[in-house]
Protein backbone atom coordinates (compact mmCIF):
# COMPACT_ATOMS: atom_id res chain seq x y z
CA MET A 1 0.00 0.00 0.00
CA VAL A 2 1.39 3.38 -1.05
CA ASP A 3 1.54 6.00 1.71
CA ARG A 4 0.11 9.21 0.27
CA ALA A 5 1.31 11.13 3.33
CA ASP A 6 4.57 11.71 1.46
CA LEU A 7 2.70 13.74 -1.18
CA ALA A 8 1.84 17.43 -1.05
CA GLY A 9 -1.45 16.67 -2.80
CA PHE A 10 -3.42 14.11 -4.82
CA ARG A 11 -6.29 14.65 -7.28
CA ASP A 12 -8.15 11.79 -8.94
CA TYR A 13 -9.82 12.54 -12.27
CA ALA A 14 -9.28 9.08 -13.78
CA PRO A 15 -11.95 7.71 -16.14
CA GLU A 16 -14.18 5.06 -14.62
CA ALA A 17 -14.62 1.56 -16.04
CA ASP A 18 -17.80 2.55 -17.88
CA ASP A 19 -15.84 5.16 -19.86
CA PHE A 20 -13.34 2.44 -20.81
CA ALA A 21 -16.14 0.10 -21.86
CA ALA A 22 -17.86 2.77 -23.94
CA ASP A 23 -14.62 3.63 -25.73
CA VAL A 24 -13.91 -0.04 -26.46
CA LEU A 25 -17.40 -0.64 -27.84
CA GLU A 26 -17.14 2.46 -30.01
CA GLY A 27 -13.70 1.48 -31.31
CA LEU A 28 -14.63 -2.13 -32.13
CA SER A 29 -17.74 -0.89 -33.96
CA ALA A 30 -15.69 1.45 -36.16
CA ARG A 31 -14.43 0.65 -39.65
CA PRO A 32 -11.54 0.00 -39.50
CA LYS A 33 -11.52 -1.16 -35.88
CA THR A 34 -9.46 0.94 -33.46
CA LEU A 35 -8.79 1.39 -29.74
CA PRO A 36 -7.44 4.49 -27.92
CA CYS A 37 -3.73 4.08 -27.15
CA LYS A 38 -4.17 5.66 -23.69
CA TYR A 39 -5.71 2.38 -22.52
CA LEU A 40 -2.47 0.52 -23.19
CA TYR A 41 -1.19 1.99 -19.91
CA ASP A 42 -2.82 0.08 -17.09
CA ARG A 43 -0.48 -1.11 -14.34
CA ARG A 44 0.86 -4.07 -16.34
CA GLY A 45 0.99 -2.07 -19.55
CA SER A 46 2.96 0.68 -17.86
CA ARG A 47 5.43 -1.90 -16.52
CA LEU A 48 5.82 -3.46 -19.95
CA PHE A 49 6.46 -0.06 -21.49
CA GLU A 50 9.19 0.57 -18.93
CA ASP A 51 10.71 -2.75 -20.08
CA ILE A 52 10.49 -1.61 -23.71
CA CYS A 53 12.44 1.51 -22.81
CA GLU A 54 15.37 -0.70 -21.70
CA LEU A 55 15.55 -2.64 -24.96
CA GLU A 56 18.54 -2.27 -27.29
CA GLU A 57 16.28 -1.70 -30.31
CA TYR A 58 14.29 1.06 -28.59
CA TYR A 59 16.59 4.05 -29.12
CA PRO A 60 14.25 6.94 -28.03
CA THR A 61 14.62 6.53 -24.26
CA ARG A 62 18.41 6.27 -23.97
CA THR A 63 18.89 8.96 -26.63
CA GLU A 64 16.56 11.40 -24.91
CA MET A 65 18.10 10.65 -21.53
CA LYS A 66 21.55 11.52 -22.86
CA ILE A 67 20.28 14.77 -24.39
CA LEU A 68 18.69 15.71 -21.05
CA ALA A 69 21.78 14.77 -19.04
CA ASP A 70 24.17 16.60 -21.36
CA ASN A 71 22.08 19.78 -21.33
CA ALA A 72 20.53 19.73 -17.84
CA ARG A 73 22.26 22.91 -16.71
CA GLU A 74 21.08 24.94 -19.71
CA ILE A 75 17.58 23.47 -19.39
CA ALA A 76 17.50 24.45 -15.71
CA MET A 77 18.42 28.03 -16.63
CA LEU A 78 15.50 28.15 -19.07
CA PHE A 79 13.13 26.79 -16.42
CA GLY A 80 14.36 29.34 -13.89
CA PRO A 81 14.30 29.26 -10.07
CA ARG A 82 11.16 28.53 -8.04
CA CYS A 83 9.31 27.01 -11.00
CA HIS A 84 6.41 24.57 -10.80
CA VAL A 85 7.17 21.57 -13.05
CA VAL A 86 4.14 19.73 -14.49
CA GLU A 87 4.85 16.42 -16.23
CA PHE A 88 2.27 15.09 -18.70
CA GLY A 89 2.20 11.28 -18.74
CA SER A 90 4.72 10.93 -15.92
CA GLY A 91 4.92 7.11 -15.85
CA ALA A 92 7.81 6.11 -13.59
CA SER A 93 8.99 9.76 -13.28
CA THR A 94 12.48 8.66 -14.35
CA LYS A 95 13.61 11.33 -16.81
CA ILE A 96 12.37 14.25 -14.74
CA ARG A 97 14.90 13.36 -12.04
CA LEU A 98 17.70 14.63 -14.30
CA ILE A 99 15.96 18.01 -14.52
CA LEU A 100 14.86 18.27 -10.89
CA ALA A 101 18.41 17.60 -9.71
CA ALA A 102 19.64 20.56 -11.78
CA LEU A 103 16.89 23.05 -10.84
CA ARG A 104 17.34 25.79 -8.26
CA SER A 105 14.73 25.59 -5.47
CA PRO A 106 11.77 24.34 -7.57
CA ALA A 107 8.39 25.28 -6.06
CA ALA A 108 6.81 21.89 -6.81
CA TYR A 109 6.61 18.92 -9.14
CA THR A 110 3.19 17.71 -10.33
CA ALA A 111 3.01 14.27 -11.96
CA VAL A 112 0.02 13.70 -14.26
CA ASP A 113 -0.77 10.17 -15.44
CA ILE A 114 -3.83 8.05 -16.27
CA SER A 115 -2.48 4.93 -14.50
CA ARG A 116 -3.39 5.56 -10.83
CA ASP A 117 -1.29 2.78 -9.26
CA MET A 118 1.83 3.61 -11.26
CA LEU A 119 1.34 7.33 -10.62
CA LEU A 120 1.10 6.98 -6.84
CA GLU A 121 3.97 4.53 -6.57
CA ALA A 122 6.31 6.68 -8.69
CA SER A 123 5.27 9.96 -7.06
CA VAL A 124 5.82 8.68 -3.53
CA ALA A 125 9.24 7.26 -4.50
CA LEU A 126 10.24 10.61 -6.01
CA ALA A 127 8.97 12.54 -2.98
CA ARG A 128 11.14 10.39 -0.71
CA ASP A 129 14.19 10.93 -2.91
CA PHE A 130 13.58 14.72 -3.08
CA PRO A 131 12.36 15.41 0.48
CA ARG A 132 12.45 19.21 0.14
CA LEU A 133 10.34 19.18 -3.03
CA PRO A 134 6.52 19.30 -2.75
CA VAL A 135 5.28 16.47 -4.99
CA ILE A 136 1.68 16.49 -6.23
CA ALA A 137 0.02 13.57 -8.07
CA VAL A 138 -2.88 14.11 -10.48
CA CYS A 139 -4.57 11.04 -11.96
CA ALA A 140 -6.09 12.32 -15.20
CA ASP A 141 -6.35 11.94 -18.94
CA TYR A 142 -4.09 14.86 -19.85
CA THR A 143 -5.69 15.15 -23.30
CA LYS A 144 -8.76 16.58 -21.54
CA PRO A 145 -9.04 19.65 -19.29
CA PHE A 146 -7.93 19.15 -15.69
CA GLU A 147 -6.79 21.34 -12.81
CA VAL A 148 -3.30 21.51 -11.35
CA PRO A 149 -3.32 22.28 -7.61
CA ALA A 150 -1.24 25.27 -6.52
CA PRO A 151 1.87 24.19 -4.61
CA PRO A 152 2.20 25.15 -0.96
CA GLY A 153 3.38 28.74 -0.86
CA GLY A 154 3.94 28.84 -4.62
CA ALA A 155 0.62 29.75 -6.22
CA GLU A 156 2.29 32.29 -8.52
CA ALA A 157 5.21 30.06 -9.53
CA LYS A 158 6.11 29.86 -13.20
CA ARG A 159 4.67 26.66 -14.67
CA VAL A 160 6.91 24.62 -16.95
CA GLY A 161 5.57 21.49 -18.59
CA PHE A 162 7.59 18.34 -19.29
CA PHE A 163 6.39 15.96 -22.01
CA PRO A 164 9.16 13.46 -22.80
CA GLY A 165 9.37 10.26 -24.80
CA SER A 166 7.94 11.64 -28.05
CA THR A 167 4.46 10.92 -26.71
CA ILE A 168 3.32 13.88 -28.82
CA GLY A 169 3.78 11.46 -31.72
CA ASN A 170 0.86 9.34 -30.49
CA PHE A 171 -1.45 12.15 -31.57
CA THR A 172 -2.53 12.94 -35.10
CA PRO A 173 -1.27 16.38 -36.18
CA GLU A 174 -4.73 17.76 -35.40
CA GLU A 175 -4.73 16.16 -31.94
CA ALA A 176 -1.17 17.38 -31.35
CA ALA A 177 -2.30 20.93 -32.14
CA GLU A 178 -5.18 20.57 -29.68
CA PHE A 179 -2.85 19.23 -26.98
CA LEU A 180 -0.40 22.10 -27.45
CA GLN A 181 -3.21 24.64 -27.22
CA GLY A 182 -4.45 23.04 -23.99
CA ALA A 183 -0.93 22.86 -22.55
CA ALA A 184 -0.31 26.53 -23.34
CA SER A 185 -3.53 27.42 -21.52
CA LEU A 186 -2.63 25.27 -18.49
CA LEU A 187 0.97 26.52 -18.28
CA LYS A 188 -0.11 30.16 -18.66
CA PRO A 189 1.75 33.15 -20.17
CA GLY A 190 5.35 33.21 -19.04
CA GLY A 191 5.43 29.43 -18.75
CA GLY A 192 7.27 26.93 -20.91
CA LEU A 193 7.25 23.35 -22.20
CA LEU A 194 10.16 20.91 -22.53
CA ILE A 195 9.13 18.24 -25.01
CA GLY A 196 10.75 15.22 -26.65
CA VAL A 197 10.12 14.70 -30.37
CA ASP A 198 11.29 11.74 -32.45
CA LEU A 199 12.86 12.52 -35.82
CA LYS A 200 12.04 10.99 -39.19
CA LYS A 201 14.57 8.33 -40.17
CA GLU A 202 15.03 5.10 -42.14
CA ARG A 203 12.32 2.43 -41.92
CA ALA A 204 14.52 -0.36 -40.51
CA THR A 205 15.52 1.56 -37.38
CA LEU A 206 11.93 2.56 -36.68
CA GLU A 207 10.41 -0.88 -37.20
CA ARG A 208 13.01 -2.59 -34.98
CA ALA A 209 12.16 -0.15 -32.21
CA TYR A 210 8.45 -1.04 -32.28
CA ASP A 211 8.73 -4.80 -32.93
CA ASP A 212 11.63 -6.00 -30.82
CA SER A 213 13.26 -9.42 -31.00
CA LYS A 214 12.28 -10.31 -27.41
CA GLY A 215 8.55 -9.76 -28.02
CA VAL A 216 8.10 -7.15 -25.28
CA SER A 217 6.36 -4.74 -27.65
CA ALA A 218 4.02 -7.56 -28.68
CA ALA A 219 3.19 -8.32 -25.04
CA PHE A 220 2.55 -4.61 -24.41
CA ASN A 221 0.12 -4.42 -27.33
CA LEU A 222 -1.66 -7.70 -26.54
CA ASN A 223 -2.07 -6.64 -22.91
CA LEU A 224 -4.80 -4.27 -24.08
CA LEU A 225 -6.97 -7.27 -25.05
CA TYR A 226 -6.22 -8.92 -21.70
CA ARG A 227 -7.30 -5.71 -19.97
CA ILE A 228 -10.58 -5.64 -21.93
CA ASN A 229 -11.29 -9.25 -20.90
CA ARG A 230 -10.46 -8.57 -17.25
CA GLU A 231 -12.13 -5.20 -16.73
CA VAL A 232 -15.13 -5.08 -19.05
CA GLY A 233 -15.99 -8.68 -19.86
CA GLY A 234 -14.45 -9.18 -23.29
CA THR A 235 -13.92 -12.67 -24.73
CA PHE A 236 -10.73 -12.10 -26.72
CA ASP A 237 -8.57 -15.19 -27.28
CA LEU A 238 -5.10 -13.63 -27.09
CA GLY A 239 -3.61 -16.59 -28.92
CA GLN A 240 -5.69 -15.68 -31.98
CA PHE A 241 -4.19 -12.18 -32.30
CA THR A 242 -0.68 -11.10 -33.20
CA HIS A 243 1.26 -7.84 -32.89
CA ARG A 244 2.03 -5.94 -36.10
CA ALA A 245 4.10 -2.75 -36.36
CA PHE A 246 5.16 -0.93 -39.53
CA TYR A 247 6.23 2.50 -40.78
CA ASN A 248 3.65 4.34 -42.87
CA GLU A 249 6.00 6.55 -44.84
CA THR A 250 3.19 8.45 -46.57
CA LEU A 251 1.79 9.67 -43.24
CA GLY A 252 5.18 9.84 -41.50
CA ARG A 253 4.18 7.57 -38.63
CA MET A 254 4.78 4.19 -37.05
CA GLU A 255 1.58 2.19 -36.66
CA MET A 256 0.79 -0.59 -34.16
CA HIS A 257 -2.00 -3.07 -34.84
CA LEU A 258 -3.40 -6.29 -33.38
CA MET A 259 -4.09 -8.70 -36.27
CA SER A 260 -6.62 -11.52 -36.17
CA ARG A 261 -4.99 -14.82 -37.13
CA ALA A 262 -8.29 -16.38 -38.28
CA PRO A 263 -12.00 -15.61 -38.70
CA GLN A 264 -13.48 -15.26 -35.22
CA LEU A 265 -16.21 -13.74 -33.09
CA VAL A 266 -15.56 -11.66 -29.96
CA ARG A 267 -18.28 -10.70 -27.48
CA MET A 268 -18.47 -7.89 -24.96
CA ARG A 269 -21.40 -6.58 -22.92
CA GLY A 270 -24.07 -8.14 -25.11
CA GLN A 271 -22.49 -7.08 -28.40
CA SER A 272 -20.66 -9.28 -30.94
CA PHE A 273 -17.78 -8.29 -33.19
CA ARG A 274 -16.68 -10.37 -36.18
CA PHE A 275 -13.08 -10.46 -37.34
CA ALA A 276 -11.85 -11.69 -40.71
CA ALA A 277 -8.48 -13.38 -40.97
CA GLY A 278 -5.89 -10.63 -41.28
CA GLU A 279 -8.23 -7.90 -40.01
CA THR A 280 -6.62 -5.57 -37.49
CA ILE A 281 -7.39 -3.33 -34.55
CA HIS A 282 -5.35 -0.14 -34.88
CA THR A 283 -4.01 0.56 -31.37
CA GLU A 284 -1.33 3.25 -31.69
CA ASN A 285 0.39 5.75 -33.95
CA SER A 286 3.76 7.39 -33.43
CA TYR A 287 4.27 10.34 -35.75
CA LYS A 288 7.82 11.41 -36.59
CA TYR A 289 8.78 15.02 -37.34
CA ALA A 290 11.54 17.01 -38.95
CA ILE A 291 12.73 19.79 -36.61
CA GLU A 292 11.20 22.50 -38.79
CA GLU A 293 7.87 20.64 -38.99
CA PHE A 294 7.51 20.44 -35.24
CA GLN A 295 8.58 24.03 -34.65
CA ALA A 296 5.94 25.19 -37.14
CA LEU A 297 3.31 23.07 -35.34
CA ALA A 298 4.27 24.56 -31.96
CA ALA A 299 4.39 28.12 -33.31
CA GLY A 300 0.86 27.79 -34.65
CA ASN A 301 -0.59 26.51 -31.39
CA GLY A 302 0.37 28.78 -28.53
CA PHE A 303 4.14 28.42 -28.23
CA ALA A 304 7.28 30.19 -29.42
CA PRO A 305 10.16 27.76 -30.15
CA GLU A 306 13.16 28.88 -28.12
CA ARG A 307 15.76 26.10 -28.08
CA VAL A 308 16.29 22.64 -29.58
CA TRP A 309 18.85 19.94 -28.79
CA THR A 310 19.61 16.74 -30.69
CA ASP A 311 22.02 13.81 -30.46
CA ALA A 312 25.11 13.14 -32.54
CA ASN A 313 23.25 10.66 -34.75
CA ASN A 314 20.22 12.91 -35.32
CA LEU A 315 17.79 10.32 -33.97
CA PHE A 316 15.84 12.45 -31.51
CA THR A 317 15.21 16.04 -30.43
CA VAL A 318 14.27 17.87 -27.24
CA HIS A 319 12.61 21.29 -27.66
CA TYR A 320 12.10 24.09 -25.17
CA LEU A 321 9.01 26.14 -26.07
CA ARG A 322 7.86 29.34 -24.42
CA VAL A 323 4.15 30.04 -23.98
CA ALA A 324 3.55 32.79 -26.53
């Protein structure tokens, strides 16, 4: 049991099971079938994603970590003293530690994540490792409006968002624009956003990263069907579905799908869904950007690009944006 006494605050805006069920029914009824990628991140899914981040083929995590470590001092200067850091999709709150350690007297750190158990566990661990830092946990779908509590004694602190891992790539360009507009509103004038963005590159590197040799990415994707069975009464036979990941060069994105191995029928809450052999459920996108493409997107949706860092191999970028 996690002791919330270590936290400066906790807000719970997580969607209830009925919201999950409604989204699943809507997605399975669509043509083509689809499921929201946010539901990949239950407790087990979040753990599996952390395992993915350790894989040799999955370059984004280690590359972004090196960029953050190499430039932490400059990043801290851009954040400024007494800032309130708000992380969107905080997960295990691993990368933010590099930034927090470099900051001067931060007013607070607020972790925002949809996975309640993972959020509380990671937030309490971080609060214990940074005992002078007020740590606030907010369980929420950060793609929808939510409130960030004011830190103790720091209501007027500059808000700086942190959105690592190229999670912005999970959104369509239209959804990314909407997220940036919402983040600019939440962070307020004078605030900023530090965001990781994956670069366009050759197909082979991308496809290895999303379909690893150990099958961890496959387990992560298939866990969504296991979650549907467990939480909302689905009848998916996981052995009859397989993970498929490929680069859609025309749209500039990696795509993840769950492909039916044979004709089959799946039931859930009184409804039936037929699958043909080879038919897929589209579970996730990961859009890739050129530096100029992303800066133009940010500039059109509430931010002024201020600084960008990349690695020696031009695999990944980290941008600092100022709320315009």
